């Protein structure tokens, strides 16, 4: 298992972490790559990394679905972040072959920050 630390700079952002993931698994052996974050106010997703407007649209859609200014019962002020984390999920699993993840042409791996800025841990595991 490998650990990568990801620093975010905004309250809400999508951060492409594909290069960080590739840097720790390149040339390694395995059949399945698993990427996981242990935080309850961010997520891990796979989506298009060619056009940054796609992830902007995703973040805007999540804000419409789960508004920040709703009267949540949780009083820390980050309830929307917890709900968005549930919707995006905290991990992805990708086939792994010939020393790298098998991603589609336009796919990238993103950390979805919903309660930043923070430093987040991402754990990367290769399974035989």
Foldseek 3Di string as FASTA:
>chain_A
DDKDKDFDDDLWDKAFCQVVLLVVQAPHDFFKKKKFFPDQQKAKAKDFDPDPVVRVVVVVVLCVVQPQPDPDPDPPSQPSSNVVRVVRDGMDMFTDDPRGGDDDPGMTMIMIRNGDRDITMMDMDGHD
